[in-house]
Amino acid sequence: MKKITFAAAALFMFSSMTSTAATAETFTYSGGCFWCTEADTENLYGVSEVISGFTGGTTANPRYEPGKWGDHREAAQVVYDPNIISYEELVRHVFKTIDYEDNGGQFCDRGRSYSPAIYYKNETERLIAERLAPKNSIVPIEPESTFYPVREEHQDFYKKQTFKYKYYRFSCGRDSRLNTLKEN
């Protein structure tokens, strides 16, 4: 009986894992420093992974070195299960974690590479993102383009370098500004 119970449990777990992998979708957005966007999104229920990288530009094979990411923005690519969390819920979350009134960068990081954007794959996603944008949002909603993951040392930075990450986030004023936006 124990063997049958174990086999049934294993089969259920395997089928759950394969169905999640089979239904996984991606959602990409820019919201300033990718260390922060990754940290703000990775623990959402239904999100299985967040990858830091670059997108939104034309430079081939951008790298995290001065002048090597060209016209790309730092970005987060979110892998999620649409049966658990929807594209709409992710977009709502993003607007709560970025300064949607600032298109010149985010918080203490300035320039296009830190500016926010929401990327869509199809007309339905574009319409959802436009509908959910706050009235005073100046965040561009753009077609998704090639996503380039950044080197491994920058993935999960908030976990690997907790003190440095927290210091950076605090000194940049990210949470202070987000609290001000919530009050408005």
N, C-alpha and C. Protein backbone atom coordinates (compact mmCIF):
# COMPACT_ATOMS: atom_id res chain seq x y z
N MET A 1 0.82 -1.20 0.00
CA MET A 1 0.00 0.00 0.00
C MET A 1 0.87 1.26 0.00
N LYS A 2 1.97 1.23 0.78
CA LYS A 2 2.87 2.38 0.83
C LYS A 2 3.48 2.63 -0.54
N LYS A 3 3.83 1.54 -1.27
CA LYS A 3 4.42 1.70 -2.59
C LYS A 3 3.43 2.34 -3.56
N ILE A 4 2.17 1.94 -3.48
CA ILE A 4 1.15 2.52 -4.35
C ILE A 4 0.95 3.99 -4.03
N THR A 5 0.89 4.33 -2.74
CA THR A 5 0.72 5.73 -2.32
C THR A 5 1.91 6.57 -2.80
N PHE A 6 3.12 6.04 -2.60
CA PHE A 6 4.32 6.75 -3.04
C PHE A 6 4.31 6.94 -4.55
N ALA A 7 3.96 5.89 -5.28
CA ALA A 7 3.93 5.96 -6.74
C ALA A 7 2.89 6.98 -7.21
N ALA A 8 1.73 6.99 -6.58
CA ALA A 8 0.69 7.96 -6.94
C ALA A 8 1.16 9.39 -6.65
N ALA A 9 1.81 9.59 -5.51
CA ALA A 9 2.31 10.92 -5.15
C ALA A 9 3.38 11.37 -6.14
N ALA A 10 4.28 10.45 -6.50
CA ALA A 10 5.34 10.79 -7.45
C ALA A 10 4.75 11.13 -8.82
N LEU A 11 3.76 10.37 -9.26
CA LEU A 11 3.11 10.62 -10.54
C LEU A 11 2.43 11.99 -10.53
N PHE A 12 1.75 12.31 -9.43
CA PHE A 12 1.07 13.60 -9.31
C PHE A 12 2.08 14.74 -9.37
N MET A 13 3.18 14.61 -8.63
CA MET A 13 4.20 15.67 -8.62
C MET A 13 4.80 15.83 -10.01
N PHE A 14 5.10 14.73 -10.69
CA PHE A 14 5.67 14.80 -12.02
C PHE A 14 4.71 15.44 -13.00
N SER A 15 3.44 15.06 -12.95
CA SER A 15 2.46 15.63 -13.88
C SER A 15 2.25 17.11 -13.58
N SER A 16 2.33 17.51 -12.31
CA SER A 16 2.21 18.93 -11.96
C SER A 16 3.38 19.72 -12.51
N MET A 17 4.58 19.15 -12.39
CA MET A 17 5.76 19.85 -12.87
C MET A 17 5.73 19.97 -14.38
N THR A 18 5.35 18.93 -15.08
CA THR A 18 5.34 18.99 -16.53
C THR A 18 4.23 19.91 -17.03
N SER A 19 3.09 19.93 -16.35
CA SER A 19 2.03 20.82 -16.82
C SER A 19 2.42 22.28 -16.59
N THR A 20 3.12 22.58 -15.50
CA THR A 20 3.58 23.94 -15.26
C THR A 20 4.60 24.34 -16.32
N ALA A 21 5.55 23.44 -16.60
CA ALA A 21 6.56 23.75 -17.62
C ALA A 21 5.90 23.92 -18.99
N ALA A 22 4.89 23.12 -19.28
CA ALA A 22 4.23 23.19 -20.57
C ALA A 22 3.42 24.47 -20.73
N THR A 23 2.94 25.03 -19.63
CA THR A 23 2.11 26.23 -19.71
C THR A 23 2.87 27.50 -19.37
N ALA A 24 4.15 27.40 -19.08
CA ALA A 24 4.93 28.59 -18.68
C ALA A 24 4.91 29.64 -19.79
N GLU A 25 4.77 30.88 -19.36
CA GLU A 25 4.81 32.04 -20.25
C GLU A 25 5.93 32.96 -19.77
N THR A 26 6.31 33.92 -20.60
CA THR A 26 7.27 34.93 -20.16
C THR A 26 6.65 36.31 -20.30
N PHE A 27 7.07 37.18 -19.42
CA PHE A 27 6.67 38.58 -19.40
C PHE A 27 7.94 39.38 -19.14
N THR A 28 8.20 40.38 -19.94
CA THR A 28 9.43 41.17 -19.80
C THR A 28 9.09 42.62 -19.54
N TYR A 29 9.81 43.21 -18.61
CA TYR A 29 9.63 44.63 -18.32
C TYR A 29 10.94 45.24 -17.85
N SER A 30 11.02 46.55 -17.96
CA SER A 30 12.15 47.32 -17.46
C SER A 30 11.63 48.23 -16.36
N GLY A 31 12.40 48.32 -15.30
CA GLY A 31 11.98 49.15 -14.17
C GLY A 31 13.17 49.69 -13.41
N GLY A 32 14.22 50.06 -14.13
CA GLY A 32 15.44 50.52 -13.48
C GLY A 32 16.38 49.35 -13.29
N CYS A 33 17.16 49.43 -12.25
CA CYS A 33 18.16 48.41 -11.94
C CYS A 33 17.56 47.01 -11.94
N PHE A 34 18.13 46.10 -12.72
CA PHE A 34 17.54 44.77 -12.80
C PHE A 34 17.68 43.98 -11.51
N TRP A 35 18.60 44.36 -10.64
CA TRP A 35 18.68 43.69 -9.33
C TRP A 35 17.38 43.92 -8.56
N CYS A 36 16.85 45.14 -8.67
CA CYS A 36 15.62 45.48 -7.94
C CYS A 36 14.38 44.88 -8.60
N THR A 37 14.32 44.93 -9.92
CA THR A 37 13.14 44.37 -10.58
C THR A 37 13.05 42.87 -10.34
N GLU A 38 14.21 42.22 -10.34
CA GLU A 38 14.22 40.78 -10.07
C GLU A 38 13.73 40.51 -8.64
N ALA A 39 14.26 41.26 -7.68
CA ALA A 39 13.87 41.06 -6.27
C ALA A 39 12.39 41.37 -6.05
N ASP A 40 11.86 42.37 -6.75
CA ASP A 40 10.46 42.76 -6.57
C ASP A 40 9.47 41.77 -7.15
N THR A 41 9.92 40.92 -8.06
CA THR A 41 9.01 40.05 -8.81
C THR A 41 9.19 38.57 -8.50
N GLU A 42 10.37 38.18 -8.11
CA GLU A 42 10.69 36.76 -8.02
C GLU A 42 9.85 35.97 -7.01
N ASN A 43 9.39 36.61 -5.97
CA ASN A 43 8.67 35.87 -4.93
C ASN A 43 7.15 35.86 -5.11
N LEU A 44 6.67 36.33 -6.25
CA LEU A 44 5.23 36.28 -6.50
C LEU A 44 4.79 34.84 -6.73
N TYR A 45 3.66 34.48 -6.15
CA TYR A 45 3.12 33.14 -6.34
C TYR A 45 2.77 32.95 -7.82
N GLY A 46 3.28 31.89 -8.41
CA GLY A 46 3.05 31.62 -9.82
C GLY A 46 4.25 31.98 -10.68
N VAL A 47 5.21 32.71 -10.11
CA VAL A 47 6.44 33.05 -10.83
C VAL A 47 7.48 31.99 -10.48
N SER A 48 8.04 31.35 -11.51
CA SER A 48 9.03 30.30 -11.25
C SER A 48 10.46 30.80 -11.37
N GLU A 49 10.66 31.90 -12.11
CA GLU A 49 12.02 32.40 -12.31
C GLU A 49 11.94 33.83 -12.83
N VAL A 50 12.94 34.63 -12.44
CA VAL A 50 13.11 35.96 -13.02
C VAL A 50 14.57 36.06 -13.44
N ILE A 51 14.78 36.43 -14.68
CA ILE A 51 16.12 36.51 -15.25
C ILE A 51 16.44 37.97 -15.52
N SER A 52 17.58 38.43 -15.01
CA SER A 52 18.03 39.79 -15.27
C SER A 52 18.73 39.84 -16.62
N GLY A 53 18.53 40.95 -17.34
CA GLY A 53 19.18 41.07 -18.64
C GLY A 53 18.91 42.41 -19.28
N PHE A 54 19.02 42.43 -20.59
CA PHE A 54 18.84 43.64 -21.40
C PHE A 54 17.84 43.37 -22.51
N THR A 55 17.09 44.41 -22.88
CA THR A 55 16.19 44.32 -24.03
C THR A 55 15.79 45.73 -24.46
N GLY A 56 15.06 45.81 -25.54
CA GLY A 56 14.49 47.07 -25.99
C GLY A 56 15.39 47.91 -26.87
N GLY A 57 16.56 47.41 -27.21
CA GLY A 57 17.49 48.17 -28.04
C GLY A 57 17.87 47.44 -29.30
N THR A 58 18.87 47.97 -29.98
CA THR A 58 19.29 47.39 -31.25
C THR A 58 20.71 46.84 -31.21
N THR A 59 21.44 47.09 -30.14
CA THR A 59 22.82 46.62 -30.03
C THR A 59 22.84 45.10 -29.92
N ALA A 60 23.64 44.45 -30.76
CA ALA A 60 23.74 42.99 -30.71
C ALA A 60 24.59 42.56 -29.52
N ASN A 61 24.15 41.53 -28.83
CA ASN A 61 24.89 40.92 -27.72
C ASN A 61 25.40 41.92 -26.68
N PRO A 62 24.50 42.68 -26.07
CA PRO A 62 24.94 43.65 -25.05
C PRO A 62 25.55 42.94 -23.84
N ARG A 63 26.47 43.62 -23.17
CA ARG A 63 27.12 43.08 -21.97
C ARG A 63 27.10 44.13 -20.87
N TYR A 64 27.19 43.67 -19.63
CA TYR A 64 27.19 44.57 -18.47
C TYR A 64 28.61 45.07 -18.24
N GLU A 65 29.02 45.94 -19.14
CA GLU A 65 30.30 46.62 -19.07
C GLU A 65 30.06 48.03 -19.59
N PRO A 66 30.79 49.03 -19.07
CA PRO A 66 30.55 50.41 -19.53
C PRO A 66 30.51 50.52 -21.05
N GLY A 67 29.41 51.05 -21.56
CA GLY A 67 29.24 51.27 -22.98
C GLY A 67 28.93 50.04 -23.81
N LYS A 68 28.82 48.87 -23.19
CA LYS A 68 28.63 47.63 -23.95
C LYS A 68 27.17 47.20 -24.04
N TRP A 69 26.25 47.90 -23.36
CA TRP A 69 24.86 47.49 -23.52
C TRP A 69 24.13 48.40 -24.50
N GLY A 70 24.83 49.37 -25.06
CA GLY A 70 24.28 50.19 -26.12
C GLY A 70 22.98 50.87 -25.73
N ASP A 71 21.97 50.74 -26.58
CA ASP A 71 20.70 51.43 -26.37
C ASP A 71 19.66 50.56 -25.67
N HIS A 72 20.07 49.45 -25.07
CA HIS A 72 19.14 48.57 -24.36
C HIS A 72 18.81 49.12 -22.98
N ARG A 73 17.72 48.61 -22.43
CA ARG A 73 17.34 48.88 -21.04
C ARG A 73 17.67 47.66 -20.20
N GLU A 74 18.02 47.89 -18.94
CA GLU A 74 18.10 46.77 -18.01
C GLU A 74 16.68 46.25 -17.86
N ALA A 75 16.51 44.94 -17.78
CA ALA A 75 15.17 44.36 -17.78
C ALA A 75 15.11 43.08 -16.96
N ALA A 76 13.89 42.68 -16.68
CA ALA A 76 13.63 41.40 -16.01
C ALA A 76 12.71 40.59 -16.91
N GLN A 77 13.08 39.35 -17.14
CA GLN A 77 12.21 38.44 -17.87
C GLN A 77 11.62 37.47 -16.85
N VAL A 78 10.31 37.52 -16.72
CA VAL A 78 9.59 36.76 -15.71
C VAL A 78 9.01 35.50 -16.34
N VAL A 79 9.33 34.35 -15.79
CA VAL A 79 8.76 33.08 -16.23
C VAL A 79 7.64 32.76 -15.23
N TYR A 80 6.43 32.60 -15.76
CA TYR A 80 5.28 32.43 -14.86
C TYR A 80 4.29 31.41 -15.41
N ASP A 81 3.45 30.93 -14.51
CA ASP A 81 2.40 29.99 -14.87
C ASP A 81 1.09 30.78 -14.98
N PRO A 82 0.56 30.96 -16.18
CA PRO A 82 -0.66 31.75 -16.35
C PRO A 82 -1.90 31.13 -15.71
N ASN A 83 -1.80 29.87 -15.29
CA ASN A 83 -2.90 29.25 -14.55
C ASN A 83 -2.92 29.70 -13.10
N ILE A 84 -1.83 30.32 -12.65
CA ILE A 84 -1.72 30.78 -11.25
C ILE A 84 -1.71 32.30 -11.17
N ILE A 85 -0.94 32.95 -12.03
CA ILE A 85 -0.86 34.41 -12.04
C ILE A 85 -0.98 34.86 -13.49
N SER A 86 -1.75 35.89 -13.71
CA SER A 86 -2.02 36.34 -15.08
C SER A 86 -1.08 37.46 -15.51
N TYR A 87 -1.02 37.67 -16.80
CA TYR A 87 -0.28 38.81 -17.36
C TYR A 87 -0.80 40.09 -16.72
N GLU A 88 -2.10 40.21 -16.59
CA GLU A 88 -2.71 41.40 -15.99
C GLU A 88 -2.21 41.62 -14.57
N GLU A 89 -2.15 40.56 -13.77
CA GLU A 89 -1.66 40.70 -12.39
C GLU A 89 -0.19 41.12 -12.37
N LEU A 90 0.59 40.60 -13.30
CA LEU A 90 2.00 40.99 -13.37
C LEU A 90 2.15 42.46 -13.73
N VAL A 91 1.37 42.93 -14.69
CA VAL A 91 1.44 44.34 -15.08
C VAL A 91 1.02 45.23 -13.90
N ARG A 92 -0.04 44.87 -13.20
CA ARG A 92 -0.45 45.63 -12.01
C ARG A 92 0.69 45.71 -11.00
N HIS A 93 1.33 44.57 -10.78
CA HIS A 93 2.46 44.51 -9.85
C HIS A 93 3.58 45.45 -10.28
N VAL A 94 3.92 45.43 -11.56
CA VAL A 94 5.00 46.28 -12.05
C VAL A 94 4.70 47.75 -11.79
N PHE A 95 3.49 48.18 -12.08
CA PHE A 95 3.17 49.60 -11.85
C PHE A 95 3.25 49.99 -10.37
N LYS A 96 3.20 49.00 -9.47
CA LYS A 96 3.37 49.28 -8.04
C LYS A 96 4.83 49.30 -7.62
N THR A 97 5.72 48.82 -8.49
CA THR A 97 7.14 48.69 -8.12
C THR A 97 8.08 49.57 -8.93
N ILE A 98 7.53 50.42 -9.79
CA ILE A 98 8.35 51.35 -10.57
C ILE A 98 7.81 52.76 -10.38
N ASP A 99 8.64 53.76 -10.72
CA ASP A 99 8.18 55.14 -10.73
C ASP A 99 7.65 55.43 -12.13
N TYR A 100 6.35 55.27 -12.29
CA TYR A 100 5.72 55.41 -13.61
C TYR A 100 5.62 56.86 -14.06
N GLU A 101 6.04 57.81 -13.22
CA GLU A 101 6.05 59.21 -13.60
C GLU A 101 7.42 59.67 -14.09
N ASP A 102 8.39 58.77 -14.13
CA ASP A 102 9.76 59.14 -14.48
C ASP A 102 10.25 58.25 -15.62
N ASN A 103 10.42 58.83 -16.79
CA ASN A 103 10.92 58.07 -17.92
C ASN A 103 12.38 58.38 -18.22
N GLY A 104 13.04 59.15 -17.34
CA GLY A 104 14.44 59.51 -17.55
C GLY A 104 15.40 58.60 -16.82
N GLY A 105 14.89 57.49 -16.31
CA GLY A 105 15.66 56.56 -15.49
C GLY A 105 14.74 56.14 -14.35
N GLN A 106 15.30 55.51 -13.35
CA GLN A 106 14.51 55.13 -12.19
C GLN A 106 15.33 55.42 -10.94
N PHE A 107 14.72 56.22 -10.06
CA PHE A 107 15.29 56.52 -8.76
C PHE A 107 16.66 57.18 -8.96
N CYS A 108 17.74 56.65 -8.40
CA CYS A 108 19.04 57.33 -8.54
C CYS A 108 19.75 56.97 -9.85
N ASP A 109 19.27 55.99 -10.56
CA ASP A 109 19.89 55.59 -11.82
C ASP A 109 19.24 56.34 -12.97
N ARG A 110 20.05 57.03 -13.75
CA ARG A 110 19.53 57.89 -14.80
C ARG A 110 19.94 57.40 -16.18
N GLY A 111 19.17 57.78 -17.17
CA GLY A 111 19.46 57.44 -18.56
C GLY A 111 18.54 56.35 -19.09
N ARG A 112 18.55 56.21 -20.40
CA ARG A 112 17.66 55.24 -21.06
C ARG A 112 17.83 53.83 -20.52
N SER A 113 19.05 53.43 -20.22
CA SER A 113 19.27 52.04 -19.81
C SER A 113 18.54 51.71 -18.51
N TYR A 114 18.14 52.73 -17.74
CA TYR A 114 17.40 52.50 -16.49
C TYR A 114 15.94 52.95 -16.59
N SER A 115 15.52 53.37 -17.77
CA SER A 115 14.14 53.84 -17.91
C SER A 115 13.17 52.67 -17.95
N PRO A 116 11.93 52.90 -17.50
CA PRO A 116 10.95 51.82 -17.45
C PRO A 116 10.29 51.57 -18.80
N ALA A 117 9.81 50.36 -18.97
CA ALA A 117 9.02 49.99 -20.15
C ALA A 117 8.34 48.66 -19.86
N ILE A 118 7.19 48.49 -20.47
CA ILE A 118 6.50 47.20 -20.42
C ILE A 118 6.45 46.69 -21.85
N TYR A 119 6.81 45.42 -22.02
CA TYR A 119 6.88 44.82 -23.34
C TYR A 119 5.73 43.83 -23.54
N TYR A 120 5.18 43.84 -24.72
CA TYR A 120 4.05 42.95 -25.02
C TYR A 120 4.38 42.06 -26.21
N LYS A 121 3.72 40.88 -26.25
CA LYS A 121 3.91 39.92 -27.34
C LYS A 121 2.81 40.02 -28.39
N ASN A 122 1.65 40.54 -28.01
CA ASN A 122 0.52 40.56 -28.93
C ASN A 122 -0.41 41.73 -28.58
N GLU A 123 -1.39 41.92 -29.41
CA GLU A 123 -2.32 43.05 -29.25
C GLU A 123 -3.09 42.97 -27.93
N THR A 124 -3.46 41.80 -27.51
CA THR A 124 -4.19 41.64 -26.25
C THR A 124 -3.35 42.14 -25.08
N GLU A 125 -2.07 41.73 -25.04
CA GLU A 125 -1.19 42.19 -23.96
C GLU A 125 -0.99 43.70 -24.03
N ARG A 126 -0.85 44.26 -25.22
CA ARG A 126 -0.68 45.71 -25.36
C ARG A 126 -1.88 46.44 -24.77
N LEU A 127 -3.08 45.99 -25.11
CA LEU A 127 -4.29 46.63 -24.62
C LEU A 127 -4.43 46.52 -23.11
N ILE A 128 -4.05 45.38 -22.55
CA ILE A 128 -4.10 45.20 -21.09
C ILE A 128 -3.14 46.18 -20.42
N ALA A 129 -1.91 46.24 -20.90
CA ALA A 129 -0.91 47.14 -20.30
C ALA A 129 -1.36 48.60 -20.40
N GLU A 130 -1.90 49.00 -21.54
CA GLU A 130 -2.38 50.38 -21.69
C GLU A 130 -3.53 50.68 -20.74
N ARG A 131 -4.44 49.73 -20.59
CA ARG A 131 -5.60 49.92 -19.70
C ARG A 131 -5.17 50.03 -18.24
N LEU A 132 -4.16 49.29 -17.84
CA LEU A 132 -3.74 49.27 -16.44
C LEU A 132 -2.78 50.39 -16.06
N ALA A 133 -2.25 51.08 -17.04
CA ALA A 133 -1.31 52.16 -16.74
C ALA A 133 -2.01 53.26 -15.94
N PRO A 134 -1.38 53.73 -14.86
CA PRO A 134 -1.97 54.85 -14.12
C PRO A 134 -2.16 56.06 -15.03
N LYS A 135 -3.12 56.92 -14.69
CA LYS A 135 -3.44 58.07 -15.55
C LYS A 135 -2.22 58.91 -15.90
N ASN A 136 -1.33 59.10 -14.92
CA ASN A 136 -0.17 59.96 -15.15
C ASN A 136 1.09 59.17 -15.52
N SER A 137 0.91 57.95 -16.01
CA SER A 137 2.05 57.13 -16.41
C SER A 137 2.64 57.62 -17.73
N ILE A 138 3.97 57.67 -17.76
CA ILE A 138 4.67 57.99 -19.01
C ILE A 138 5.54 56.80 -19.43
N VAL A 139 5.21 55.62 -18.91
CA VAL A 139 5.96 54.40 -19.22
C VAL A 139 5.59 53.92 -20.62
N PRO A 140 6.58 53.77 -21.49
CA PRO A 140 6.26 53.25 -22.83
C PRO A 140 5.86 51.78 -22.78
N ILE A 141 4.94 51.43 -23.63
CA ILE A 141 4.50 50.05 -23.79
C ILE A 141 4.91 49.67 -25.21
N GLU A 142 5.87 48.75 -25.30
CA GLU A 142 6.53 48.47 -26.57
C GLU A 142 6.46 47.00 -26.94
N PRO A 143 6.60 46.70 -28.23
CA PRO A 143 6.65 45.29 -28.65
C PRO A 143 7.89 44.62 -28.05
N GLU A 144 7.72 43.37 -27.66
CA GLU A 144 8.84 42.61 -27.10
C GLU A 144 9.90 42.41 -28.17
N SER A 145 11.16 42.49 -27.76
CA SER A 145 12.27 42.23 -28.68
C SER A 145 13.20 41.21 -28.03
N THR A 146 14.31 40.94 -28.64
CA THR A 146 15.24 39.94 -28.12
C THR A 146 15.67 40.30 -26.71
N PHE A 147 15.64 39.31 -25.84
CA PHE A 147 16.08 39.47 -24.45
C PHE A 147 17.45 38.82 -24.31
N TYR A 148 18.39 39.56 -23.72
CA TYR A 148 19.75 39.07 -23.52
C TYR A 148 20.02 38.94 -22.03
N PRO A 149 20.10 37.72 -21.50
CA PRO A 149 20.41 37.56 -20.07
C PRO A 149 21.80 38.13 -19.75
N VAL A 150 21.91 38.72 -18.58
CA VAL A 150 23.20 39.24 -18.12
C VAL A 150 23.99 38.10 -17.48
N ARG A 151 25.27 38.32 -17.26
CA ARG A 151 26.14 37.29 -16.67
C ARG A 151 25.58 36.77 -15.35
N GLU A 152 25.94 35.55 -15.02
CA GLU A 152 25.45 34.85 -13.83
C GLU A 152 25.69 35.63 -12.55
N GLU A 153 26.78 36.35 -12.43
CA GLU A 153 27.08 37.08 -11.19
C GLU A 153 26.02 38.14 -10.87
N HIS A 154 25.24 38.56 -11.87
CA HIS A 154 24.19 39.55 -11.64
C HIS A 154 22.82 38.91 -11.41
N GLN A 155 22.69 37.61 -11.68
CA GLN A 155 21.44 36.90 -11.42
C GLN A 155 21.31 36.71 -9.91
N ASP A 156 20.12 36.96 -9.38
CA ASP A 156 19.86 36.78 -7.94
C ASP A 156 20.83 37.59 -7.07
N PHE A 157 21.26 38.74 -7.55
CA PHE A 157 22.20 39.58 -6.80
C PHE A 157 21.68 39.90 -5.41
N TYR A 158 20.38 40.15 -5.30
CA TYR A 158 19.80 40.50 -4.00
C TYR A 158 19.93 39.36 -2.98
N LYS A 159 20.08 38.13 -3.46
CA LYS A 159 20.30 36.98 -2.58
C LYS A 159 21.78 36.76 -2.31
N LYS A 160 22.60 36.92 -3.33
CA LYS A 160 24.04 36.64 -3.23
C LYS A 160 24.79 37.73 -2.46
N GLN A 161 24.37 38.96 -2.64
CA GLN A 161 25.04 40.11 -2.03
C GLN A 161 24.01 40.94 -1.25
N THR A 162 23.39 40.32 -0.27
CA THR A 162 22.27 40.91 0.44
C THR A 162 22.59 42.29 1.00
N PHE A 163 23.72 42.44 1.68
CA PHE A 163 24.06 43.73 2.28
C PHE A 163 24.25 44.80 1.21
N LYS A 164 25.03 44.49 0.18
CA LYS A 164 25.28 45.46 -0.91
C LYS A 164 23.96 45.84 -1.59
N TYR A 165 23.12 44.84 -1.83
CA TYR A 165 21.84 45.10 -2.48
C TYR A 165 20.97 46.02 -1.63
N LYS A 166 20.82 45.71 -0.36
CA LYS A 166 19.97 46.52 0.53
C LYS A 166 20.50 47.94 0.65
N TYR A 167 21.82 48.08 0.74
CA TYR A 167 22.42 49.41 0.82
C TYR A 167 22.12 50.19 -0.46
N TYR A 168 22.33 49.56 -1.60
CA TYR A 168 22.05 50.20 -2.88
C TYR A 168 20.59 50.63 -2.97
N ARG A 169 19.68 49.74 -2.66
CA ARG A 169 18.25 50.03 -2.78
C ARG A 169 17.85 51.18 -1.86
N PHE A 170 18.35 51.17 -0.63
CA PHE A 170 18.02 52.23 0.32
C PHE A 170 18.63 53.56 -0.13
N SER A 171 19.91 53.56 -0.47
CA SER A 171 20.57 54.81 -0.83
C SER A 171 20.03 55.39 -2.13
N CYS A 172 19.46 54.55 -2.96
CA CYS A 172 18.88 55.00 -4.22
C CYS A 172 17.49 55.62 -4.01
N GLY A 173 16.88 55.39 -2.86
CA GLY A 173 15.58 55.98 -2.55
C GLY A 173 14.40 55.29 -3.20
N ARG A 174 14.59 54.07 -3.64
CA ARG A 174 13.53 53.35 -4.37
C ARG A 174 12.26 53.21 -3.53
N ASP A 175 12.38 52.64 -2.35
CA ASP A 175 11.19 52.37 -1.54
C ASP A 175 10.54 53.66 -1.03
N SER A 176 11.36 54.65 -0.75
CA SER A 176 10.81 55.94 -0.32
C SER A 176 9.92 56.55 -1.41
N ARG A 177 10.41 56.54 -2.64
CA ARG A 177 9.64 57.09 -3.76
C ARG A 177 8.39 56.26 -4.03
N LEU A 178 8.51 54.95 -3.95
CA LEU A 178 7.33 54.09 -4.19
C LEU A 178 6.26 54.35 -3.14
N ASN A 179 6.67 54.58 -1.90
CA ASN A 179 5.69 54.89 -0.85
C ASN A 179 4.99 56.22 -1.14
N THR A 180 5.73 57.19 -1.67
CA THR A 180 5.13 58.48 -2.04
C THR A 180 4.09 58.28 -3.15
N LEU A 181 4.42 57.45 -4.14
CA LEU A 181 3.47 57.19 -5.23
C LEU A 181 2.21 56.50 -4.71
N LYS A 182 2.35 55.61 -3.75
CA LYS A 182 1.18 54.92 -3.18
C LYS A 182 0.24 55.89 -2.49
N GLU A 183 0.81 56.91 -1.88
CA GLU A 183 0.00 57.89 -1.14
C GLU A 183 -0.77 58.82 -2.06
N ASN A 184 -0.33 58.95 -3.31
CA ASN A 184 -1.00 59.86 -4.25
C ASN A 184 -2.24 59.26 -4.85
